[in-house]
Amino acid sequence: MSTDNAATFDCPECDVTAPSTSVPYDSLGYVVCPVCGYAATPEAAETPGVDRSPSAGD
């Protein structure tokens, strides 16, 4: 018995689920939602309110 589980993209902004083969990518290779245009960039993945500045001891 064979089971095929296709990879999917789940948009965190508009909750659309699409096959990963139909989702476009930007010039840097980050996924872009085909419905709302959400781009999964490192800036979008950061947690708001977290200070990422280097400490004085670094």
N, C-alpha and C. Protein backbone atom coordinates (compact mmCIF):
# COMPACT_ATOMS: atom_id res chain seq x y z
N MET A 1 0.85 -1.18 0.00
CA MET A 1 0.00 0.00 0.00
C MET A 1 0.89 1.24 0.00
N SER A 2 0.64 2.13 -0.93
CA SER A 2 1.47 3.32 -1.10
C SER A 2 0.69 4.56 -0.67
N THR A 3 1.37 5.42 0.04
CA THR A 3 0.76 6.68 0.46
C THR A 3 1.63 7.83 -0.04
N ASP A 4 1.04 8.75 -0.77
CA ASP A 4 1.74 9.94 -1.25
C ASP A 4 1.30 11.13 -0.43
N ASN A 5 2.24 11.75 0.26
CA ASN A 5 1.96 12.97 1.02
C ASN A 5 2.65 14.13 0.31
N ALA A 6 1.89 14.91 -0.41
CA ALA A 6 2.45 16.04 -1.13
C ALA A 6 2.82 17.15 -0.15
N ALA A 7 3.92 17.82 -0.42
CA ALA A 7 4.34 18.94 0.40
C ALA A 7 3.41 20.11 0.15
N THR A 8 3.04 20.83 1.22
CA THR A 8 2.15 21.97 1.08
C THR A 8 2.73 23.20 1.74
N PHE A 9 2.26 24.35 1.31
CA PHE A 9 2.60 25.64 1.91
C PHE A 9 1.37 26.10 2.68
N ASP A 10 1.56 26.42 3.97
CA ASP A 10 0.49 26.94 4.81
C ASP A 10 0.81 28.39 5.16
N CYS A 11 0.04 29.33 4.63
CA CYS A 11 0.30 30.75 4.85
C CYS A 11 -0.11 31.15 6.27
N PRO A 12 0.78 31.77 7.04
CA PRO A 12 0.43 32.21 8.38
C PRO A 12 -0.45 33.46 8.41
N GLU A 13 -0.54 34.17 7.28
CA GLU A 13 -1.33 35.40 7.22
C GLU A 13 -2.79 35.15 6.84
N CYS A 14 -3.01 34.38 5.77
CA CYS A 14 -4.38 34.21 5.27
C CYS A 14 -4.89 32.77 5.40
N ASP A 15 -4.11 31.89 6.00
CA ASP A 15 -4.50 30.50 6.26
C ASP A 15 -4.80 29.67 5.01
N VAL A 16 -4.27 30.06 3.86
CA VAL A 16 -4.45 29.26 2.65
C VAL A 16 -3.45 28.10 2.70
N THR A 17 -3.85 26.96 2.16
CA THR A 17 -2.96 25.82 2.00
C THR A 17 -2.88 25.53 0.52
N ALA A 18 -1.65 25.48 0.00
CA ALA A 18 -1.46 25.25 -1.43
C ALA A 18 -0.33 24.24 -1.63
N PRO A 19 -0.38 23.47 -2.70
CA PRO A 19 0.73 22.56 -2.99
C PRO A 19 2.02 23.36 -3.18
N SER A 20 3.10 22.89 -2.61
CA SER A 20 4.35 23.65 -2.67
C SER A 20 4.85 23.84 -4.10
N THR A 21 4.44 22.98 -5.00
CA THR A 21 4.86 23.12 -6.40
C THR A 21 4.18 24.29 -7.10
N SER A 22 3.09 24.82 -6.53
CA SER A 22 2.38 25.93 -7.16
C SER A 22 2.65 27.27 -6.49
N VAL A 23 3.55 27.30 -5.50
CA VAL A 23 3.83 28.52 -4.75
C VAL A 23 5.06 29.19 -5.34
N PRO A 24 4.98 30.49 -5.66
CA PRO A 24 6.14 31.19 -6.23
C PRO A 24 7.16 31.56 -5.16
N TYR A 25 8.37 31.82 -5.60
CA TYR A 25 9.46 32.23 -4.72
C TYR A 25 10.02 33.55 -5.24
N ASP A 26 10.53 34.39 -4.31
CA ASP A 26 11.12 35.66 -4.74
C ASP A 26 12.55 35.43 -5.24
N SER A 27 13.24 36.49 -5.61
CA SER A 27 14.57 36.38 -6.20
C SER A 27 15.61 35.82 -5.22
N LEU A 28 15.34 35.89 -3.93
CA LEU A 28 16.26 35.35 -2.93
C LEU A 28 15.89 33.93 -2.50
N GLY A 29 14.79 33.41 -3.03
CA GLY A 29 14.39 32.05 -2.74
C GLY A 29 13.40 31.91 -1.61
N TYR A 30 12.83 33.02 -1.14
CA TYR A 30 11.82 32.96 -0.07
C TYR A 30 10.45 32.75 -0.69
N VAL A 31 9.63 31.95 -0.02
CA VAL A 31 8.30 31.64 -0.52
C VAL A 31 7.39 32.87 -0.44
N VAL A 32 6.49 33.01 -1.43
CA VAL A 32 5.52 34.11 -1.48
C VAL A 32 4.14 33.49 -1.62
N CYS A 33 3.21 33.87 -0.74
CA CYS A 33 1.86 33.34 -0.79
C CYS A 33 1.18 33.74 -2.09
N PRO A 34 0.58 32.77 -2.80
CA PRO A 34 -0.08 33.09 -4.07
C PRO A 34 -1.40 33.84 -3.89
N VAL A 35 -1.93 33.90 -2.67
CA VAL A 35 -3.21 34.56 -2.43
C VAL A 35 -3.02 35.98 -1.89
N CYS A 36 -2.28 36.12 -0.78
CA CYS A 36 -2.18 37.43 -0.13
C CYS A 36 -0.83 38.13 -0.36
N GLY A 37 0.16 37.41 -0.89
CA GLY A 37 1.45 38.02 -1.15
C GLY A 37 2.41 38.01 0.02
N TYR A 38 2.06 37.34 1.12
CA TYR A 38 2.94 37.23 2.27
C TYR A 38 4.27 36.62 1.83
N ALA A 39 5.36 37.23 2.26
CA ALA A 39 6.69 36.72 1.93
C ALA A 39 7.37 36.22 3.19
N ALA A 40 7.78 34.98 3.18
CA ALA A 40 8.42 34.36 4.34
C ALA A 40 9.90 34.74 4.39
N THR A 41 10.18 35.97 4.73
CA THR A 41 11.55 36.46 4.84
C THR A 41 12.01 36.38 6.29
N PRO A 42 13.32 36.50 6.53
CA PRO A 42 13.80 36.49 7.92
C PRO A 42 13.16 37.58 8.77
N GLU A 43 12.87 38.74 8.20
CA GLU A 43 12.22 39.81 8.94
C GLU A 43 10.82 39.42 9.38
N ALA A 44 10.10 38.67 8.55
CA ALA A 44 8.75 38.23 8.89
C ALA A 44 8.77 37.17 9.99
N ALA A 45 9.87 36.45 10.10
CA ALA A 45 9.97 35.37 11.09
C ALA A 45 10.40 35.86 12.46
N GLU A 46 10.90 37.09 12.57
CA GLU A 46 11.36 37.61 13.85
C GLU A 46 10.19 37.85 14.80
N THR A 47 10.46 37.67 16.07
CA THR A 47 9.45 37.90 17.08
C THR A 47 9.43 39.38 17.44
N PRO A 48 8.27 40.05 17.37
CA PRO A 48 8.21 41.47 17.72
C PRO A 48 8.58 41.69 19.18
N GLY A 49 9.29 42.77 19.42
CA GLY A 49 9.64 43.14 20.79
C GLY A 49 10.91 42.50 21.30
N VAL A 50 11.55 41.67 20.51
CA VAL A 50 12.79 41.04 20.94
C VAL A 50 13.95 41.90 20.48
N ASP A 51 14.80 42.30 21.44
CA ASP A 51 15.97 43.11 21.12
C ASP A 51 17.09 42.18 20.71
N ARG A 52 17.55 42.28 19.46
CA ARG A 52 18.59 41.41 18.95
C ARG A 52 19.92 42.15 18.83
N SER A 53 20.08 43.25 19.56
CA SER A 53 21.35 43.97 19.49
C SER A 53 22.41 43.20 20.26
N PRO A 54 23.67 43.28 19.81
CA PRO A 54 24.72 42.55 20.50
C PRO A 54 24.96 43.12 21.90
N SER A 55 25.33 42.25 22.81
CA SER A 55 25.59 42.71 24.18
C SER A 55 26.97 43.36 24.25
N ALA A 56 27.22 44.09 25.31
CA ALA A 56 28.48 44.82 25.47
C ALA A 56 29.66 43.86 25.56
N GLY A 57 29.44 42.63 26.00
CA GLY A 57 30.52 41.67 26.15
C GLY A 57 30.88 40.94 24.88
N ASP A 58 30.15 41.15 23.77
CA ASP A 58 30.44 40.42 22.52
C ASP A 58 31.55 41.03 21.75
